[in-house]
């Protein structure tokens, strides 16, 4: 019994395009690779923001407008990473 599924599509120019549908194992493997890439981008973004905000932080722990801007940029970057990737 052959488990791989192939799809044949005939174009208007009478060219047959054939491809094999990915199985569950290769889909899970690709999803794990994508998850690792997104996680690395998240960690790089957080590390970059922390590195940049380290010099601008005050000792009182009071949120400033630059802190609000940094949070806004982080949220936008998370959106870009999740939806743009």
PDB file of N, CA and C in Angstrom:
ATOM      1  N   UNK A   1       0.845  -1.186   0.000  1.00  0.00           N
ATOM      2  CA  UNK A   1       0.000   0.000   0.000  1.00  0.00           C
ATOM      3  C   UNK A   1       0.884   1.241   0.000  1.00  0.00           C
ATOM      4  N   UNK A   2       0.634   2.126  -0.907  1.00  0.00           N
ATOM      5  CA  UNK A   2       1.426   3.345  -1.052  1.00  0.00           C
ATOM      6  C   UNK A   2       0.723   4.488  -0.318  1.00  0.00           C
ATOM      7  N   UNK A   3       1.374   5.067   0.708  1.00  0.00           N
ATOM      8  CA  UNK A   3       0.724   6.063   1.548  1.00  0.00           C
ATOM      9  C   UNK A   3       0.863   7.493   1.032  1.00  0.00           C
ATOM     10  N   UNK A   4       1.809   7.768   0.160  1.00  0.00           N
ATOM     11  CA  UNK A   4       1.983   9.142  -0.310  1.00  0.00           C
ATOM     12  C   UNK A   4       0.872   9.492  -1.298  1.00  0.00           C
ATOM     13  N   UNK A   5       0.376  10.719  -1.169  1.00  0.00           N
ATOM     14  CA  UNK A   5      -0.690  11.191  -2.046  1.00  0.00           C
ATOM     15  C   UNK A   5      -0.117  12.205  -3.008  1.00  0.00           C
ATOM     16  N   UNK A   6      -0.460  12.062  -4.263  1.00  0.00           N
ATOM     17  CA  UNK A   6      -0.034  13.030  -5.261  1.00  0.00           C
ATOM     18  C   UNK A   6      -1.253  13.711  -5.847  1.00  0.00           C
ATOM     19  N   UNK A   7      -1.064  14.961  -6.245  1.00  0.00           N
ATOM     20  CA  UNK A   7      -2.130  15.745  -6.859  1.00  0.00           C
ATOM     21  C   UNK A   7      -1.665  16.130  -8.254  1.00  0.00           C
ATOM     22  N   UNK A   8      -2.503  15.911  -9.217  1.00  0.00           N
ATOM     23  CA  UNK A   8      -2.222  16.289 -10.596  1.00  0.00           C
ATOM     24  C   UNK A   8      -3.179  17.409 -10.998  1.00  0.00           C
ATOM     25  N   UNK A   9      -2.611  18.512 -11.471  1.00  0.00           N
ATOM     26  CA  UNK A   9      -3.404  19.655 -11.927  1.00  0.00           C
ATOM     27  C   UNK A   9      -3.064  19.890 -13.394  1.00  0.00           C
ATOM     28  N   UNK A  10      -4.107  19.984 -14.203  1.00  0.00           N
ATOM     29  CA  UNK A  10      -3.906  20.255 -15.626  1.00  0.00           C
ATOM     30  C   UNK A  10      -4.194  21.727 -15.893  1.00  0.00           C
ATOM     31  N   UNK A  11      -3.213  22.435 -16.427  1.00  0.00           N
ATOM     32  CA  UNK A  11      -3.355  23.858 -16.717  1.00  0.00           C
ATOM     33  C   UNK A  11      -4.097  24.054 -18.040  1.00  0.00           C
ATOM     34  N   UNK A  12      -4.550  25.278 -18.321  1.00  0.00           N
ATOM     35  CA  UNK A  12      -5.231  25.535 -19.596  1.00  0.00           C
ATOM     36  C   UNK A  12      -4.350  25.275 -20.816  1.00  0.00           C
ATOM     37  N   UNK A  13      -3.027  25.293 -20.628  1.00  0.00           N
ATOM     38  CA  UNK A  13      -2.103  25.006 -21.733  1.00  0.00           C
ATOM     39  C   UNK A  13      -1.837  23.510 -21.876  1.00  0.00           C
ATOM     40  N   UNK A  14      -2.616  22.690 -21.159  1.00  0.00           N
ATOM     41  CA  UNK A  14      -2.515  21.229 -21.171  1.00  0.00           C
ATOM     42  C   UNK A  14      -1.185  20.716 -20.626  1.00  0.00           C
ATOM     43  N   UNK A  15      -0.653  21.434 -19.645  1.00  0.00           N
ATOM     44  CA  UNK A  15       0.542  20.989 -18.933  1.00  0.00           C
ATOM     45  C   UNK A  15       0.081  20.409 -17.600  1.00  0.00           C
ATOM     46  N   UNK A  16       0.521  19.215 -17.289  1.00  0.00           N
ATOM     47  CA  UNK A  16       0.137  18.558 -16.040  1.00  0.00           C
ATOM     48  C   UNK A  16       1.198  18.851 -14.988  1.00  0.00           C
ATOM     49  N   UNK A  17       0.768  19.466 -13.897  1.00  0.00           N
ATOM     50  CA  UNK A  17       1.645  19.748 -12.760  1.00  0.00           C
ATOM     51  C   UNK A  17       1.307  18.732 -11.676  1.00  0.00           C
ATOM     52  N   UNK A  18       2.292  17.994 -11.237  1.00  0.00           N
ATOM     53  CA  UNK A  18       2.087  16.949 -10.241  1.00  0.00           C
ATOM     54  C   UNK A  18       2.977  17.216  -9.035  1.00  0.00           C
ATOM     55  N   UNK A  19       2.407  17.085  -7.843  1.00  0.00           N
ATOM     56  CA  UNK A  19       3.204  17.253  -6.625  1.00  0.00           C
ATOM     57  C   UNK A  19       2.683  16.316  -5.550  1.00  0.00           C
ATOM     58  N   UNK A  20       3.539  16.010  -4.594  1.00  0.00           N
ATOM     59  CA  UNK A  20       3.209  15.117  -3.490  1.00  0.00           C
ATOM     60  C   UNK A  20       2.798  15.943  -2.281  1.00  0.00           C
ATOM     61  N   UNK A  21       1.722  15.560  -1.654  1.00  0.00           N
ATOM     62  CA  UNK A  21       1.235  16.258  -0.462  1.00  0.00           C
ATOM     63  C   UNK A  21       2.113  15.862   0.719  1.00  0.00           C
ATOM     64  N   UNK A  22       2.472  16.859   1.544  1.00  0.00           N
ATOM     65  CA  UNK A  22       3.328  16.605   2.702  1.00  0.00           C
ATOM     66  C   UNK A  22       2.576  15.781   3.746  1.00  0.00           C
ATOM     67  N   UNK A  23       3.298  14.908   4.391  1.00  0.00           N
ATOM     68  CA  UNK A  23       2.717  14.075   5.439  1.00  0.00           C
ATOM     69  C   UNK A  23       2.749  14.779   6.783  1.00  0.00           C
ATOM     70  N   UNK A  24       2.188  14.119   7.777  1.00  0.00           N
ATOM     71  CA  UNK A  24       2.083  14.711   9.113  1.00  0.00           C
ATOM     72  C   UNK A  24       3.462  14.919   9.737  1.00  0.00           C
ATOM     73  N   UNK A  25       4.400  14.012   9.501  1.00  0.00           N
ATOM     74  CA  UNK A  25       5.732  14.140  10.091  1.00  0.00           C
ATOM     75  C   UNK A  25       6.482  15.338   9.563  1.00  0.00           C
ATOM     76  N   UNK A  26       6.455  15.543   8.263  1.00  0.00           N
ATOM     77  CA  UNK A  26       7.167  16.683   7.689  1.00  0.00           C
ATOM     78  C   UNK A  26       6.497  18.003   8.061  1.00  0.00           C
ATOM     79  N   UNK A  27       5.182  17.997   8.228  1.00  0.00           N
ATOM     80  CA  UNK A  27       4.481  19.223   8.650  1.00  0.00           C
ATOM     81  C   UNK A  27       4.833  19.594  10.088  1.00  0.00           C
ATOM     82  N   UNK A  28       4.898  18.604  10.968  1.00  0.00           N
ATOM     83  CA  UNK A  28       5.277  18.860  12.366  1.00  0.00           C
ATOM     84  C   UNK A  28       6.716  19.346  12.437  1.00  0.00           C
ATOM     85  N   UNK A  29       7.599  18.732  11.669  1.00  0.00           N
ATOM     86  CA  UNK A  29       9.007  19.134  11.643  1.00  0.00           C
ATOM     87  C   UNK A  29       9.143  20.587  11.159  1.00  0.00           C
ATOM     88  N   UNK A  30       8.398  20.951  10.117  1.00  0.00           N
ATOM     89  CA  UNK A  30       8.438  22.326   9.612  1.00  0.00           C
ATOM     90  C   UNK A  30       7.871  23.303  10.631  1.00  0.00           C
ATOM     91  N   UNK A  31       6.809  22.911  11.334  1.00  0.00           N
ATOM     92  CA  UNK A  31       6.225  23.783  12.356  1.00  0.00           C
ATOM     93  C   UNK A  31       7.198  23.997  13.513  1.00  0.00           C
ATOM     94  N   UNK A  32       7.933  22.963  13.906  1.00  0.00           N
ATOM     95  CA  UNK A  32       8.926  23.104  14.979  1.00  0.00           C
ATOM     96  C   UNK A  32      10.073  24.011  14.560  1.00  0.00           C
ATOM     97  N   UNK A  33      10.497  23.903  13.314  1.00  0.00           N
ATOM     98  CA  UNK A  33      11.554  24.789  12.813  1.00  0.00           C
ATOM     99  C   UNK A  33      11.061  26.234  12.823  1.00  0.00           C
ATOM    100  N   UNK A  34       9.828  26.469  12.358  1.00  0.00           N
ATOM    101  CA  UNK A  34       9.263  27.821  12.374  1.00  0.00           C
ATOM    102  C   UNK A  34       9.146  28.357  13.791  1.00  0.00           C
ATOM    103  N   UNK A  35       8.733  27.505  14.730  1.00  0.00           N
ATOM    104  CA  UNK A  35       8.615  27.915  16.126  1.00  0.00           C
ATOM    105  C   UNK A  35       9.969  28.321  16.692  1.00  0.00           C
ATOM    106  N   UNK A  36      11.008  27.557  16.387  1.00  0.00           N
ATOM    107  CA  UNK A  36      12.353  27.883  16.872  1.00  0.00           C
ATOM    108  C   UNK A  36      12.851  29.201  16.278  1.00  0.00           C
ATOM    109  N   UNK A  37      12.581  29.426  15.000  1.00  0.00           N
ATOM    110  CA  UNK A  37      13.008  30.677  14.369  1.00  0.00           C
ATOM    111  C   UNK A  37      12.297  31.866  14.999  1.00  0.00           C
ATOM    112  N   UNK A  38      10.974  31.743  15.219  1.00  0.00           N
ATOM    113  CA  UNK A  38      10.223  32.838  15.843  1.00  0.00           C
ATOM    114  C   UNK A  38      10.695  33.080  17.275  1.00  0.00           C
ATOM    115  N   UNK A  39      10.973  32.012  18.012  1.00  0.00           N
ATOM    116  CA  UNK A  39      11.451  32.171  19.391  1.00  0.00           C
ATOM    117  C   UNK A  39      12.802  32.866  19.420  1.00  0.00           C
ATOM    118  N   UNK A  40      13.694  32.510  18.487  1.00  0.00           N
ATOM    119  CA  UNK A  40      14.997  33.189  18.428  1.00  0.00           C
ATOM    120  C   UNK A  40      14.831  34.671  18.097  1.00  0.00           C
ATOM    121  N   UNK A  41      13.902  34.995  17.201  1.00  0.00           N
ATOM    122  CA  UNK A  41      13.668  36.408  16.878  1.00  0.00           C
ATOM    123  C   UNK A  41      13.088  37.155  18.068  1.00  0.00           C
ATOM    124  N   UNK A  42      12.188  36.499  18.834  1.00  0.00           N
ATOM    125  CA  UNK A  42      11.647  37.126  20.044  1.00  0.00           C
ATOM    126  C   UNK A  42      12.757  37.407  21.058  1.00  0.00           C
ATOM    127  N   UNK A  43      13.613  36.423  21.300  1.00  0.00           N
ATOM    128  CA  UNK A  43      14.697  36.608  22.261  1.00  0.00           C
ATOM    129  C   UNK A  43      15.667  37.691  21.797  1.00  0.00           C
ATOM    130  N   UNK A  44      15.958  37.735  20.508  1.00  0.00           N
ATOM    131  CA  UNK A  44      16.842  38.784  19.988  1.00  0.00           C
ATOM    132  C   UNK A  44      16.209  40.151  20.156  1.00  0.00           C
ATOM    133  N   UNK A  45      14.905  40.254  19.911  1.00  0.00           N
ATOM    134  CA  UNK A  45      14.215  41.533  20.070  1.00  0.00           C
ATOM    135  C   UNK A  45      14.223  41.970  21.539  1.00  0.00           C
ATOM    136  N   UNK A  46      13.903  41.059  22.444  1.00  0.00           N
ATOM    137  CA  UNK A  46      13.872  41.399  23.871  1.00  0.00           C
ATOM    138  C   UNK A  46      15.272  41.768  24.354  1.00  0.00           C
ATOM    139  N   UNK A  47      16.283  41.021  23.926  1.00  0.00           N
ATOM    140  CA  UNK A  47      17.657  41.330  24.313  1.00  0.00           C
ATOM    141  C   UNK A  47      18.068  42.704  23.792  1.00  0.00           C
ATOM    142  N   UNK A  48      17.694  43.016  22.548  1.00  0.00           N
ATOM    143  CA  UNK A  48      18.021  44.326  21.977  1.00  0.00           C
ATOM    144  C   UNK A  48      17.343  45.468  22.713  1.00  0.00           C
ATOM    145  N   UNK A  49      16.071  45.286  23.053  1.00  0.00           N
ATOM    146  CA  UNK A  49      15.346  46.339  23.773  1.00  0.00           C
ATOM    147  C   UNK A  49      15.928  46.502  25.172  1.00  0.00           C
ATOM    148  N   UNK A  50      16.235  45.404  25.838  1.00  0.00           N
ATOM    149  CA  UNK A  50      16.827  45.502  27.174  1.00  0.00           C
ATOM    150  C   UNK A  50      18.211  46.143  27.121  1.00  0.00           C
ATOM    151  N   UNK A  51      18.957  45.826  26.090  1.00  0.00           N
ATOM    152  CA  UNK A  51      20.287  46.410  25.946  1.00  0.00           C
ATOM    153  C   UNK A  51      20.202  47.912  25.707  1.00  0.00           C
ATOM    154  N   UNK A  52      19.244  48.330  24.894  1.00  0.00           N
ATOM    155  CA  UNK A  52      19.079  49.757  24.629  1.00  0.00           C
ATOM    156  C   UNK A  52      18.477  50.502  25.809  1.00  0.00           C
ATOM    157  N   UNK A  53      17.570  49.852  26.541  1.00  0.00           N
ATOM    158  CA  UNK A  53      16.911  50.545  27.649  1.00  0.00           C
ATOM    159  C   UNK A  53      17.740  50.513  28.928  1.00  0.00           C
ATOM    160  N   UNK A  54      18.802  49.749  28.949  1.00  0.00           N
ATOM    161  CA  UNK A  54      19.642  49.661  30.142  1.00  0.00           C
ATOM    162  C   UNK A  54      20.258  51.026  30.467  1.00  0.00           C
ATOM    163  N   UNK A  55      20.674  51.758  29.440  1.00  0.00           N
ATOM    164  CA  UNK A  55      21.284  53.061  29.672  1.00  0.00           C
ATOM    165  C   UNK A  55      20.249  54.118  30.022  1.00  0.00           C
ATOM    166  N   UNK A  56      19.010  53.944  29.544  1.00  0.00           N
ATOM    167  CA  UNK A  56      17.989  54.973  29.746  1.00  0.00           C
ATOM    168  C   UNK A  56      17.169  54.757  31.008  1.00  0.00           C
ATOM    169  N   UNK A  57      17.403  53.662  31.718  1.00  0.00           N
ATOM    170  CA  UNK A  57      16.585  53.384  32.896  1.00  0.00           C
ATOM    171  C   UNK A  57      17.023  54.254  34.069  1.00  0.00           C
ATOM    172  N   UNK A  58      16.030  54.628  34.868  1.00  0.00           N
ATOM    173  CA  UNK A  58      16.353  55.393  36.070  1.00  0.00           C
ATOM    174  C   UNK A  58      16.279  54.463  37.278  1.00  0.00           C
ATOM    175  N   UNK A  59      16.860  54.890  38.380  1.00  0.00           N
ATOM    176  CA  UNK A  59      16.937  54.033  39.554  1.00  0.00           C
ATOM    177  C   UNK A  59      15.633  53.961  40.326  1.00  0.00           C
ATOM    178  N   UNK A  60      14.723  54.903  40.104  1.00  0.00           N
ATOM    179  CA  UNK A  60      13.478  54.932  40.862  1.00  0.00           C
ATOM    180  C   UNK A  60      12.473  53.897  40.353  1.00  0.00           C
ATOM    181  N   UNK A  61      12.647  53.399  39.158  1.00  0.00           N
ATOM    182  CA  UNK A  61      11.718  52.417  38.625  1.00  0.00           C
ATOM    183  C   UNK A  61      10.432  53.026  38.108  1.00  0.00           C
ATOM    184  N   UNK A  62      10.434  54.328  37.877  1.00  0.00           N
ATOM    185  CA  UNK A  62       9.243  55.019  37.395  1.00  0.00           C
ATOM    186  C   UNK A  62       9.208  54.919  35.870  1.00  0.00           C
ATOM    187  N   UNK A  63       8.039  54.570  35.360  1.00  0.00           N
ATOM    188  CA  UNK A  63       7.884  54.455  33.914  1.00  0.00           C
ATOM    189  C   UNK A  63       7.911  55.844  33.284  1.00  0.00           C
ATOM    190  N   UNK A  64       8.679  55.994  32.232  1.00  0.00           N
ATOM    191  CA  UNK A  64       8.771  57.259  31.526  1.00  0.00           C
ATOM    192  C   UNK A  64       8.161  57.096  30.141  1.00  0.00           C
ATOM    193  N   UNK A  65       8.157  58.171  29.376  1.00  0.00           N
ATOM    194  CA  UNK A  65       7.598  58.090  28.030  1.00  0.00           C
ATOM    195  C   UNK A  65       8.464  57.203  27.140  1.00  0.00           C
ATOM    196  N   UNK A  66       9.763  57.171  27.390  1.00  0.00           N
ATOM    197  CA  UNK A  66      10.612  56.283  26.591  1.00  0.00           C
ATOM    198  C   UNK A  66      10.315  54.812  26.892  1.00  0.00           C
ATOM    199  N   UNK A  67       9.923  54.528  28.124  1.00  0.00           N
ATOM    200  CA  UNK A  67       9.521  53.160  28.469  1.00  0.00           C
ATOM    201  C   UNK A  67       8.246  52.776  27.729  1.00  0.00           C
ATOM    202  N   UNK A  68       7.314  53.707  27.653  1.00  0.00           N
ATOM    203  CA  UNK A  68       6.075  53.444  26.917  1.00  0.00           C
ATOM    204  C   UNK A  68       6.360  53.235  25.438  1.00  0.00           C
ATOM    205  N   UNK A  69       7.269  54.023  24.870  1.00  0.00           N
ATOM    206  CA  UNK A  69       7.624  53.851  23.459  1.00  0.00           C
ATOM    207  C   UNK A  69       8.318  52.510  23.231  1.00  0.00           C
ATOM    208  N   UNK A  70       9.172  52.111  24.160  1.00  0.00           N
ATOM    209  CA  UNK A  70       9.859  50.826  24.034  1.00  0.00           C
ATOM    210  C   UNK A  70       8.857  49.680  24.080  1.00  0.00           C
ATOM    211  N   UNK A  71       7.866  49.778  24.952  1.00  0.00           N
ATOM    212  CA  UNK A  71       6.835  48.753  25.026  1.00  0.00           C
ATOM    213  C   UNK A  71       6.010  48.718  23.743  1.00  0.00           C
ATOM    214  N   UNK A  72       5.676  49.885  23.210  1.00  0.00           N
ATOM    215  CA  UNK A  72       4.919  49.943  21.964  1.00  0.00           C
ATOM    216  C   UNK A  72       5.706  49.335  20.800  1.00  0.00           C
ATOM    217  N   UNK A  73       6.995  49.620  20.744  1.00  0.00           N
ATOM    218  CA  UNK A  73       7.835  49.051  19.687  1.00  0.00           C
ATOM    219  C   UNK A  73       7.931  47.542  19.848  1.00  0.00           C
ATOM    220  N   UNK A  74       8.049  47.060  21.085  1.00  0.00           N
ATOM    221  CA  UNK A  74       8.103  45.618  21.314  1.00  0.00           C
ATOM    222  C   UNK A  74       6.821  44.936  20.861  1.00  0.00           C
ATOM    223  N   UNK A  75       5.680  45.539  21.160  1.00  0.00           N
ATOM    224  CA  UNK A  75       4.411  44.947  20.746  1.00  0.00           C
ATOM    225  C   UNK A  75       4.284  44.932  19.230  1.00  0.00           C
ATOM    226  N   UNK A  76       4.704  45.997  18.576  1.00  0.00           N
ATOM    227  CA  UNK A  76       4.655  46.037  17.119  1.00  0.00           C
ATOM    228  C   UNK A  76       5.604  44.996  16.511  1.00  0.00           C
ATOM    229  N   UNK A  77       6.774  44.842  17.092  1.00  0.00           N
ATOM    230  CA  UNK A  77       7.729  43.858  16.584  1.00  0.00           C
ATOM    231  C   UNK A  77       7.212  42.433  16.779  1.00  0.00           C
ATOM    232  N   UNK A  78       6.510  42.168  17.888  1.00  0.00           N
ATOM    233  CA  UNK A  78       5.911  40.853  18.081  1.00  0.00           C
ATOM    234  C   UNK A  78       4.871  40.582  16.999  1.00  0.00           C
ATOM    235  N   UNK A  79       4.074  41.581  16.675  1.00  0.00           N
ATOM    236  CA  UNK A  79       3.091  41.437  15.602  1.00  0.00           C
ATOM    237  C   UNK A  79       3.795  41.145  14.268  1.00  0.00           C
ATOM    238  N   UNK A  80       4.860  41.890  13.985  1.00  0.00           N
ATOM    239  CA  UNK A  80       5.589  41.695  12.739  1.00  0.00           C
ATOM    240  C   UNK A  80       6.211  40.298  12.675  1.00  0.00           C
ATOM    241  N   UNK A  81       6.754  39.836  13.793  1.00  0.00           N
ATOM    242  CA  UNK A  81       7.381  38.514  13.813  1.00  0.00           C
ATOM    243  C   UNK A  81       6.336  37.432  13.585  1.00  0.00           C
ATOM    244  N   UNK A  82       5.215  37.492  14.287  1.00  0.00           N
ATOM    245  CA  UNK A  82       4.213  36.440  14.181  1.00  0.00           C
ATOM    246  C   UNK A  82       3.474  36.442  12.855  1.00  0.00           C
ATOM    247  N   UNK A  83       3.123  37.618  12.366  1.00  0.00           N
ATOM    248  CA  UNK A  83       2.322  37.696  11.134  1.00  0.00           C
ATOM    249  C   UNK A  83       3.170  37.915   9.891  1.00  0.00           C
ATOM    250  N   UNK A  84       4.336  38.515  10.038  1.00  0.00           N
ATOM    251  CA  UNK A  84       5.181  38.759   8.874  1.00  0.00           C
ATOM    252  C   UNK A  84       6.034  37.582   8.494  1.00  0.00           C
ATOM    253  N   UNK A  85       6.375  36.762   9.460  1.00  0.00           N
ATOM    254  CA  UNK A  85       7.221  35.610   9.165  1.00  0.00           C
ATOM    255  C   UNK A  85       6.404  34.593   8.398  1.00  0.00           C
TER     256      UNK A  85
END
